[in-house]
mmCIF file of all heavy atoms, coordinates in Angstrom:
data_MODEL
# 
_entry.id   MODEL 
# 
loop_
_atom_site.group_PDB 
_atom_site.id 
_atom_site.type_symbol 
_atom_site.label_atom_id 
_atom_site.label_alt_id 
_atom_site.label_comp_id 
_atom_site.label_asym_id 
_atom_site.label_entity_id 
_atom_site.label_seq_id 
_atom_site.pdbx_PDB_ins_code 
_atom_site.Cartn_x 
_atom_site.Cartn_y 
_atom_site.Cartn_z 
_atom_site.occupancy 
_atom_site.B_iso_or_equiv 
_atom_site.pdbx_formal_charge 
_atom_site.auth_seq_id 
_atom_site.auth_comp_id 
_atom_site.auth_asym_id 
_atom_site.auth_atom_id 
_atom_site.pdbx_PDB_model_num 
ATOM 1   N N   . GLY A 1 1  ? 0.772   -1.213  -0.046  1.00 0.00 ? 1  GLY A N   1 
ATOM 2   C CA  . GLY A 1 1  ? -0.034  0.013   0.013   1.00 0.00 ? 1  GLY A CA  1 
ATOM 3   C C   . GLY A 1 1  ? 0.803   1.253   0.011   1.00 0.00 ? 1  GLY A C   1 
ATOM 4   O O   . GLY A 1 1  ? 1.962   1.305   -0.397  1.00 0.00 ? 1  GLY A O   1 
ATOM 5   N N   . PRO A 1 2  ? 0.263   2.325   0.531   1.00 0.00 ? 2  PRO A N   1 
ATOM 6   C CA  . PRO A 1 2  ? 0.982   3.646   0.479   1.00 0.00 ? 2  PRO A CA  1 
ATOM 7   C C   . PRO A 1 2  ? 2.296   3.582   1.288   1.00 0.00 ? 2  PRO A C   1 
ATOM 8   O O   . PRO A 1 2  ? 2.409   2.829   2.222   1.00 0.00 ? 2  PRO A O   1 
ATOM 9   C CB  . PRO A 1 2  ? -0.044  4.579   1.277   1.00 0.00 ? 2  PRO A CB  1 
ATOM 10  C CG  . PRO A 1 2  ? -1.389  3.908   1.058   1.00 0.00 ? 2  PRO A CG  1 
ATOM 11  C CD  . PRO A 1 2  ? -1.089  2.454   1.117   1.00 0.00 ? 2  PRO A CD  1 
ATOM 12  N N   . GLY A 1 3  ? 3.276   4.437   0.885   1.00 0.00 ? 3  GLY A N   1 
ATOM 13  C CA  . GLY A 1 3  ? 4.465   4.526   1.600   1.00 0.00 ? 3  GLY A CA  1 
ATOM 14  C C   . GLY A 1 3  ? 5.782   4.291   0.812   1.00 0.00 ? 3  GLY A C   1 
ATOM 15  O O   . GLY A 1 3  ? 6.859   4.603   1.179   1.00 0.00 ? 3  GLY A O   1 
ATOM 16  N N   . ASP A 1 4  ? 5.558   3.662   -0.417  1.00 0.00 ? 4  ASP A N   1 
ATOM 17  C CA  . ASP A 1 4  ? 6.731   3.330   -1.291  1.00 0.00 ? 4  ASP A CA  1 
ATOM 18  C C   . ASP A 1 4  ? 6.550   4.224   -2.550  1.00 0.00 ? 4  ASP A C   1 
ATOM 19  O O   . ASP A 1 4  ? 5.610   5.051   -2.666  1.00 0.00 ? 4  ASP A O   1 
ATOM 20  C CB  . ASP A 1 4  ? 6.814   1.850   -1.626  1.00 0.00 ? 4  ASP A CB  1 
ATOM 21  C CG  . ASP A 1 4  ? 8.293   1.427   -1.599  1.00 0.00 ? 4  ASP A CG  1 
ATOM 22  O OD1 . ASP A 1 4  ? 9.075   2.062   -2.412  1.00 0.00 ? 4  ASP A OD1 1 
ATOM 23  O OD2 . ASP A 1 4  ? 8.627   0.512   -0.898  1.00 0.00 ? 4  ASP A OD2 1 
ATOM 24  N N   . ASP A 1 5  ? 7.379   3.963   -3.572  1.00 0.00 ? 5  ASP A N   1 
ATOM 25  C CA  . ASP A 1 5  ? 7.273   4.738   -4.845  1.00 0.00 ? 5  ASP A CA  1 
ATOM 26  C C   . ASP A 1 5  ? 6.037   4.373   -5.636  1.00 0.00 ? 5  ASP A C   1 
ATOM 27  O O   . ASP A 1 5  ? 5.600   5.134   -6.456  1.00 0.00 ? 5  ASP A O   1 
ATOM 28  C CB  . ASP A 1 5  ? 8.546   4.399   -5.687  1.00 0.00 ? 5  ASP A CB  1 
ATOM 29  C CG  . ASP A 1 5  ? 9.769   5.062   -5.105  1.00 0.00 ? 5  ASP A CG  1 
ATOM 30  O OD1 . ASP A 1 5  ? 9.706   6.203   -4.547  1.00 0.00 ? 5  ASP A OD1 1 
ATOM 31  O OD2 . ASP A 1 5  ? 10.820  4.418   -5.019  1.00 0.00 ? 5  ASP A OD2 1 
ATOM 32  N N   . ALA A 1 6  ? 5.505   3.148   -5.408  1.00 0.00 ? 6  ALA A N   1 
ATOM 33  C CA  . ALA A 1 6  ? 4.288   2.725   -6.099  1.00 0.00 ? 6  ALA A CA  1 
ATOM 34  C C   . ALA A 1 6  ? 3.634   1.659   -5.233  1.00 0.00 ? 6  ALA A C   1 
ATOM 35  O O   . ALA A 1 6  ? 4.282   1.058   -4.371  1.00 0.00 ? 6  ALA A O   1 
ATOM 36  C CB  . ALA A 1 6  ? 4.645   2.175   -7.451  1.00 0.00 ? 6  ALA A CB  1 
ATOM 37  N N   . ALA A 1 7  ? 2.337   1.456   -5.515  1.00 0.00 ? 7  ALA A N   1 
ATOM 38  C CA  . ALA A 1 7  ? 1.607   0.379   -4.833  1.00 0.00 ? 7  ALA A CA  1 
ATOM 39  C C   . ALA A 1 7  ? 1.695   -0.897  -5.659  1.00 0.00 ? 7  ALA A C   1 
ATOM 40  O O   . ALA A 1 7  ? 1.867   -0.810  -6.866  1.00 0.00 ? 7  ALA A O   1 
ATOM 41  C CB  . ALA A 1 7  ? 0.183   0.772   -4.608  1.00 0.00 ? 7  ALA A CB  1 
ATOM 42  N N   . LEU A 1 8  ? 1.438   -2.061  -5.056  1.00 0.00 ? 8  LEU A N   1 
ATOM 43  C CA  . LEU A 1 8  ? 1.351   -3.332  -5.724  1.00 0.00 ? 8  LEU A CA  1 
ATOM 44  C C   . LEU A 1 8  ? -0.003  -3.954  -5.465  1.00 0.00 ? 8  LEU A C   1 
ATOM 45  O O   . LEU A 1 8  ? -0.403  -4.199  -4.362  1.00 0.00 ? 8  LEU A O   1 
ATOM 46  C CB  . LEU A 1 8  ? 2.484   -4.213  -5.209  1.00 0.00 ? 8  LEU A CB  1 
ATOM 47  C CG  . LEU A 1 8  ? 2.562   -5.606  -5.900  1.00 0.00 ? 8  LEU A CG  1 
ATOM 48  C CD1 . LEU A 1 8  ? 2.917   -5.419  -7.407  1.00 0.00 ? 8  LEU A CD1 1 
ATOM 49  C CD2 . LEU A 1 8  ? 3.584   -6.447  -5.257  1.00 0.00 ? 8  LEU A CD2 1 
ATOM 50  N N   . VAL A 1 9  ? -0.788  -4.106  -6.568  1.00 0.00 ? 9  VAL A N   1 
ATOM 51  C CA  . VAL A 1 9  ? -2.159  -4.552  -6.438  1.00 0.00 ? 9  VAL A CA  1 
ATOM 52  C C   . VAL A 1 9  ? -2.385  -5.865  -7.206  1.00 0.00 ? 9  VAL A C   1 
ATOM 53  O O   . VAL A 1 9  ? -1.857  -5.983  -8.372  1.00 0.00 ? 9  VAL A O   1 
ATOM 54  C CB  . VAL A 1 9  ? -3.195  -3.475  -6.897  1.00 0.00 ? 9  VAL A CB  1 
ATOM 55  C CG1 . VAL A 1 9  ? -4.599  -3.986  -6.795  1.00 0.00 ? 9  VAL A CG1 1 
ATOM 56  C CG2 . VAL A 1 9  ? -2.960  -2.232  -6.220  1.00 0.00 ? 9  VAL A CG2 1 
ATOM 57  N N   . ALA A 1 10 ? -2.993  -6.843  -6.630  1.00 0.00 ? 10 ALA A N   1 
ATOM 58  C CA  . ALA A 1 10 ? -3.115  -8.198  -7.282  1.00 0.00 ? 10 ALA A CA  1 
ATOM 59  C C   . ALA A 1 10 ? -4.164  -8.030  -8.435  1.00 0.00 ? 10 ALA A C   1 
ATOM 60  O O   . ALA A 1 10 ? -5.153  -7.293  -8.318  1.00 0.00 ? 10 ALA A O   1 
ATOM 61  C CB  . ALA A 1 10 ? -3.592  -9.203  -6.296  1.00 0.00 ? 10 ALA A CB  1 
ATOM 62  N N   . ALA A 1 11 ? -3.949  -8.690  -9.541  1.00 0.00 ? 11 ALA A N   1 
ATOM 63  C CA  . ALA A 1 11 ? -4.886  -8.790  -10.687 1.00 0.00 ? 11 ALA A CA  1 
ATOM 64  C C   . ALA A 1 11 ? -5.083  -10.289 -10.941 1.00 0.00 ? 11 ALA A C   1 
ATOM 65  O O   . ALA A 1 11 ? -4.180  -10.965 -11.484 1.00 0.00 ? 11 ALA A O   1 
ATOM 66  C CB  . ALA A 1 11 ? -4.339  -8.136  -11.929 1.00 0.00 ? 11 ALA A CB  1 
ATOM 67  N N   . SER A 1 12 ? -6.176  -10.819 -10.439 1.00 0.00 ? 12 SER A N   1 
ATOM 68  C CA  . SER A 1 12 ? -6.325  -12.336 -10.316 1.00 0.00 ? 12 SER A CA  1 
ATOM 69  C C   . SER A 1 12 ? -6.192  -13.011 -11.713 1.00 0.00 ? 12 SER A C   1 
ATOM 70  O O   . SER A 1 12 ? -5.799  -14.137 -11.752 1.00 0.00 ? 12 SER A O   1 
ATOM 71  C CB  . SER A 1 12 ? -7.687  -12.631 -9.718  1.00 0.00 ? 12 SER A CB  1 
ATOM 72  O OG  . SER A 1 12 ? -8.756  -12.094 -10.521 1.00 0.00 ? 12 SER A OG  1 
ATOM 73  N N   . ASP A 1 13 ? -6.633  -12.402 -12.885 1.00 0.00 ? 13 ASP A N   1 
ATOM 74  C CA  . ASP A 1 13 ? -6.511  -13.094 -14.077 1.00 0.00 ? 13 ASP A CA  1 
ATOM 75  C C   . ASP A 1 13 ? -5.486  -12.349 -15.004 1.00 0.00 ? 13 ASP A C   1 
ATOM 76  O O   . ASP A 1 13 ? -5.647  -12.507 -16.249 1.00 0.00 ? 13 ASP A O   1 
ATOM 77  C CB  . ASP A 1 13 ? -7.863  -13.217 -14.678 1.00 0.00 ? 13 ASP A CB  1 
ATOM 78  C CG  . ASP A 1 13 ? -8.534  -11.943 -15.101 1.00 0.00 ? 13 ASP A CG  1 
ATOM 79  O OD1 . ASP A 1 13 ? -8.015  -10.850 -14.788 1.00 0.00 ? 13 ASP A OD1 1 
ATOM 80  O OD2 . ASP A 1 13 ? -9.597  -11.846 -15.792 1.00 0.00 ? 13 ASP A OD2 1 
ATOM 81  N N   . GLY A 1 14 ? -4.678  -11.538 -14.504 1.00 0.00 ? 14 GLY A N   1 
ATOM 82  C CA  . GLY A 1 14 ? -3.609  -10.911 -15.342 1.00 0.00 ? 14 GLY A CA  1 
ATOM 83  C C   . GLY A 1 14 ? -4.097  -9.609  -15.990 1.00 0.00 ? 14 GLY A C   1 
ATOM 84  O O   . GLY A 1 14 ? -3.392  -8.996  -16.813 1.00 0.00 ? 14 GLY A O   1 
ATOM 85  N N   . ARG A 1 15 ? -5.357  -9.160  -15.796 1.00 0.00 ? 15 ARG A N   1 
ATOM 86  C CA  . ARG A 1 15 ? -5.885  -7.984  -16.404 1.00 0.00 ? 15 ARG A CA  1 
ATOM 87  C C   . ARG A 1 15 ? -6.537  -7.126  -15.379 1.00 0.00 ? 15 ARG A C   1 
ATOM 88  O O   . ARG A 1 15 ? -6.998  -7.595  -14.322 1.00 0.00 ? 15 ARG A O   1 
ATOM 89  C CB  . ARG A 1 15 ? -6.981  -8.324  -17.388 1.00 0.00 ? 15 ARG A CB  1 
ATOM 90  C CG  . ARG A 1 15 ? -6.535  -9.344  -18.555 1.00 0.00 ? 15 ARG A CG  1 
ATOM 91  C CD  . ARG A 1 15 ? -7.761  -9.712  -19.322 1.00 0.00 ? 15 ARG A CD  1 
ATOM 92  N NE  . ARG A 1 15 ? -8.767  -10.279 -18.420 1.00 0.00 ? 15 ARG A NE  1 
ATOM 93  C CZ  . ARG A 1 15 ? -10.077 -10.380 -18.817 1.00 0.00 ? 15 ARG A CZ  1 
ATOM 94  N NH1 . ARG A 1 15 ? -10.549 -9.896  -19.936 1.00 0.00 ? 15 ARG A NH1 1 
ATOM 95  N NH2 . ARG A 1 15 ? -11.008 -10.869 -17.952 1.00 0.00 ? 15 ARG A NH2 1 
ATOM 96  N N   . PHE A 1 16 ? -6.655  -5.792  -15.609 1.00 0.00 ? 16 PHE A N   1 
ATOM 97  C CA  . PHE A 1 16 ? -7.461  -4.940  -14.766 1.00 0.00 ? 16 PHE A CA  1 
ATOM 98  C C   . PHE A 1 16 ? -7.976  -3.766  -15.593 1.00 0.00 ? 16 PHE A C   1 
ATOM 99  O O   . PHE A 1 16 ? -7.357  -3.347  -16.598 1.00 0.00 ? 16 PHE A O   1 
ATOM 100 C CB  . PHE A 1 16 ? -6.700  -4.484  -13.519 1.00 0.00 ? 16 PHE A CB  1 
ATOM 101 C CG  . PHE A 1 16 ? -5.393  -3.717  -13.840 1.00 0.00 ? 16 PHE A CG  1 
ATOM 102 C CD1 . PHE A 1 16 ? -5.472  -2.340  -13.857 1.00 0.00 ? 16 PHE A CD1 1 
ATOM 103 C CD2 . PHE A 1 16 ? -4.237  -4.355  -13.997 1.00 0.00 ? 16 PHE A CD2 1 
ATOM 104 C CE1 . PHE A 1 16 ? -4.374  -1.561  -14.119 1.00 0.00 ? 16 PHE A CE1 1 
ATOM 105 C CE2 . PHE A 1 16 ? -3.081  -3.707  -14.219 1.00 0.00 ? 16 PHE A CE2 1 
ATOM 106 C CZ  . PHE A 1 16 ? -3.076  -2.259  -14.310 1.00 0.00 ? 16 PHE A CZ  1 
ATOM 107 N N   . LEU A 1 17 ? -9.071  -3.230  -15.143 1.00 0.00 ? 17 LEU A N   1 
ATOM 108 C CA  . LEU A 1 17 ? -9.713  -2.067  -15.738 1.00 0.00 ? 17 LEU A CA  1 
ATOM 109 C C   . LEU A 1 17 ? -9.087  -0.762  -15.118 1.00 0.00 ? 17 LEU A C   1 
ATOM 110 O O   . LEU A 1 17 ? -8.765  -0.826  -13.912 1.00 0.00 ? 17 LEU A O   1 
ATOM 111 C CB  . LEU A 1 17 ? -11.196 -2.052  -15.577 1.00 0.00 ? 17 LEU A CB  1 
ATOM 112 C CG  . LEU A 1 17 ? -11.970 -3.182  -16.354 1.00 0.00 ? 17 LEU A CG  1 
ATOM 113 C CD1 . LEU A 1 17 ? -13.398 -3.162  -15.821 1.00 0.00 ? 17 LEU A CD1 1 
ATOM 114 C CD2 . LEU A 1 17 ? -11.880 -3.031  -17.824 1.00 0.00 ? 17 LEU A CD2 1 
ATOM 115 N N   . VAL A 1 18 ? -8.961  0.256   -15.853 1.00 0.00 ? 18 VAL A N   1 
ATOM 116 C CA  . VAL A 1 18 ? -8.497  1.607   -15.328 1.00 0.00 ? 18 VAL A CA  1 
ATOM 117 C C   . VAL A 1 18 ? -9.454  2.661   -15.818 1.00 0.00 ? 18 VAL A C   1 
ATOM 118 O O   . VAL A 1 18 ? -9.755  2.710   -17.001 1.00 0.00 ? 18 VAL A O   1 
ATOM 119 C CB  . VAL A 1 18 ? -7.046  1.876   -15.773 1.00 0.00 ? 18 VAL A CB  1 
ATOM 120 C CG1 . VAL A 1 18 ? -6.583  3.216   -15.229 1.00 0.00 ? 18 VAL A CG1 1 
ATOM 121 C CG2 . VAL A 1 18 ? -6.135  0.766   -15.374 1.00 0.00 ? 18 VAL A CG2 1 
ATOM 122 N N   . THR A 1 19 ? -9.842  3.550   -14.941 1.00 0.00 ? 19 THR A N   1 
ATOM 123 C CA  . THR A 1 19 ? -10.569 4.755   -15.342 1.00 0.00 ? 19 THR A CA  1 
ATOM 124 C C   . THR A 1 19 ? -10.179 5.922   -14.490 1.00 0.00 ? 19 THR A C   1 
ATOM 125 O O   . THR A 1 19 ? -9.603  5.714   -13.375 1.00 0.00 ? 19 THR A O   1 
ATOM 126 C CB  . THR A 1 19 ? -12.175 4.439   -15.175 1.00 0.00 ? 19 THR A CB  1 
ATOM 127 O OG1 . THR A 1 19 ? -12.855 5.591   -15.647 1.00 0.00 ? 19 THR A OG1 1 
ATOM 128 C CG2 . THR A 1 19 ? -12.458 4.302   -13.692 1.00 0.00 ? 19 THR A CG2 1 
ATOM 129 N N   . THR A 1 20 ? -10.317 7.119   -14.990 1.00 0.00 ? 20 THR A N   1 
ATOM 130 C CA  . THR A 1 20 ? -9.922  8.336   -14.220 1.00 0.00 ? 20 THR A CA  1 
ATOM 131 C C   . THR A 1 20 ? -10.908 9.447   -14.500 1.00 0.00 ? 20 THR A C   1 
ATOM 132 O O   . THR A 1 20 ? -11.530 9.484   -15.538 1.00 0.00 ? 20 THR A O   1 
ATOM 133 C CB  . THR A 1 20 ? -8.502  8.738   -14.568 1.00 0.00 ? 20 THR A CB  1 
ATOM 134 O OG1 . THR A 1 20 ? -8.011  9.667   -13.729 1.00 0.00 ? 20 THR A OG1 1 
ATOM 135 C CG2 . THR A 1 20 ? -8.369  9.301   -15.980 1.00 0.00 ? 20 THR A CG2 1 
ATOM 136 N N   . ASP A 1 21 ? -10.976 10.304  -13.468 1.00 0.00 ? 21 ASP A N   1 
ATOM 137 C CA  . ASP A 1 21 ? -11.837 11.465  -13.580 1.00 0.00 ? 21 ASP A CA  1 
ATOM 138 C C   . ASP A 1 21 ? -11.365 12.548  -12.641 1.00 0.00 ? 21 ASP A C   1 
ATOM 139 O O   . ASP A 1 21 ? -10.618 12.263  -11.767 1.00 0.00 ? 21 ASP A O   1 
ATOM 140 C CB  . ASP A 1 21 ? -13.237 11.047  -13.096 1.00 0.00 ? 21 ASP A CB  1 
ATOM 141 C CG  . ASP A 1 21 ? -14.363 11.823  -13.876 1.00 0.00 ? 21 ASP A CG  1 
ATOM 142 O OD1 . ASP A 1 21 ? -14.108 12.907  -14.426 1.00 0.00 ? 21 ASP A OD1 1 
ATOM 143 O OD2 . ASP A 1 21 ? -15.497 11.252  -13.979 1.00 0.00 ? 21 ASP A OD2 1 
ATOM 144 N N   . VAL A 1 22 ? -11.706 13.788  -12.915 1.00 0.00 ? 22 VAL A N   1 
ATOM 145 C CA  . VAL A 1 22 ? -11.169 14.912  -12.229 1.00 0.00 ? 22 VAL A CA  1 
ATOM 146 C C   . VAL A 1 22 ? -12.358 15.796  -11.768 1.00 0.00 ? 22 VAL A C   1 
ATOM 147 O O   . VAL A 1 22 ? -13.290 16.038  -12.573 1.00 0.00 ? 22 VAL A O   1 
ATOM 148 C CB  . VAL A 1 22 ? -10.235 15.750  -13.091 1.00 0.00 ? 22 VAL A CB  1 
ATOM 149 C CG1 . VAL A 1 22 ? -9.722  17.005  -12.259 1.00 0.00 ? 22 VAL A CG1 1 
ATOM 150 C CG2 . VAL A 1 22 ? -9.086  14.997  -13.561 1.00 0.00 ? 22 VAL A CG2 1 
ATOM 151 N N   . LEU A 1 23 ? -12.236 16.288  -10.520 1.00 0.00 ? 23 LEU A N   1 
ATOM 152 C CA  . LEU A 1 23 ? -13.184 17.294  -10.007 1.00 0.00 ? 23 LEU A CA  1 
ATOM 153 C C   . LEU A 1 23 ? -12.414 18.612  -9.737  1.00 0.00 ? 23 LEU A C   1 
ATOM 154 O O   . LEU A 1 23 ? -11.437 18.628  -9.023  1.00 0.00 ? 23 LEU A O   1 
ATOM 155 C CB  . LEU A 1 23 ? -13.810 16.810  -8.657  1.00 0.00 ? 23 LEU A CB  1 
ATOM 156 C CG  . LEU A 1 23 ? -14.813 15.678  -8.801  1.00 0.00 ? 23 LEU A CG  1 
ATOM 157 C CD1 . LEU A 1 23 ? -15.139 15.131  -7.296  1.00 0.00 ? 23 LEU A CD1 1 
ATOM 158 C CD2 . LEU A 1 23 ? -16.124 16.135  -9.495  1.00 0.00 ? 23 LEU A CD2 1 
ATOM 159 N N   . VAL A 1 24 ? -12.811 19.656  -10.391 1.00 0.00 ? 24 VAL A N   1 
ATOM 160 C CA  . VAL A 1 24 ? -12.141 20.953  -10.255 1.00 0.00 ? 24 VAL A CA  1 
ATOM 161 C C   . VAL A 1 24 ? -13.003 21.901  -9.583  1.00 0.00 ? 24 VAL A C   1 
ATOM 162 O O   . VAL A 1 24 ? -14.188 22.079  -9.964  1.00 0.00 ? 24 VAL A O   1 
ATOM 163 C CB  . VAL A 1 24 ? -11.704 21.486  -11.610 1.00 0.00 ? 24 VAL A CB  1 
ATOM 164 C CG1 . VAL A 1 24 ? -11.045 22.819  -11.490 1.00 0.00 ? 24 VAL A CG1 1 
ATOM 165 C CG2 . VAL A 1 24 ? -10.766 20.473  -12.324 1.00 0.00 ? 24 VAL A CG2 1 
ATOM 166 N N   . GLU A 1 25 ? -12.528 22.629  -8.533  1.00 0.00 ? 25 GLU A N   1 
ATOM 167 C CA  . GLU A 1 25 ? -13.263 23.659  -7.824  1.00 0.00 ? 25 GLU A CA  1 
ATOM 168 C C   . GLU A 1 25 ? -13.814 24.699  -8.765  1.00 0.00 ? 25 GLU A C   1 
ATOM 169 O O   . GLU A 1 25 ? -13.052 25.243  -9.586  1.00 0.00 ? 25 GLU A O   1 
ATOM 170 C CB  . GLU A 1 25 ? -12.365 24.218  -6.773  1.00 0.00 ? 25 GLU A CB  1 
ATOM 171 C CG  . GLU A 1 25 ? -12.970 25.345  -5.923  1.00 0.00 ? 25 GLU A CG  1 
ATOM 172 C CD  . GLU A 1 25 ? -12.066 26.040  -4.900  1.00 0.00 ? 25 GLU A CD  1 
ATOM 173 O OE1 . GLU A 1 25 ? -10.927 25.623  -4.841  1.00 0.00 ? 25 GLU A OE1 1 
ATOM 174 O OE2 . GLU A 1 25 ? -12.513 26.932  -4.213  1.00 0.00 ? 25 GLU A OE2 1 
# 
């Protein structure tokens, strides 16, 4: 988790979805 240069997250079947969004004041 947090605290290093990057996180390591398991992907059970070798794939994962990615999406991003921004909220601006």
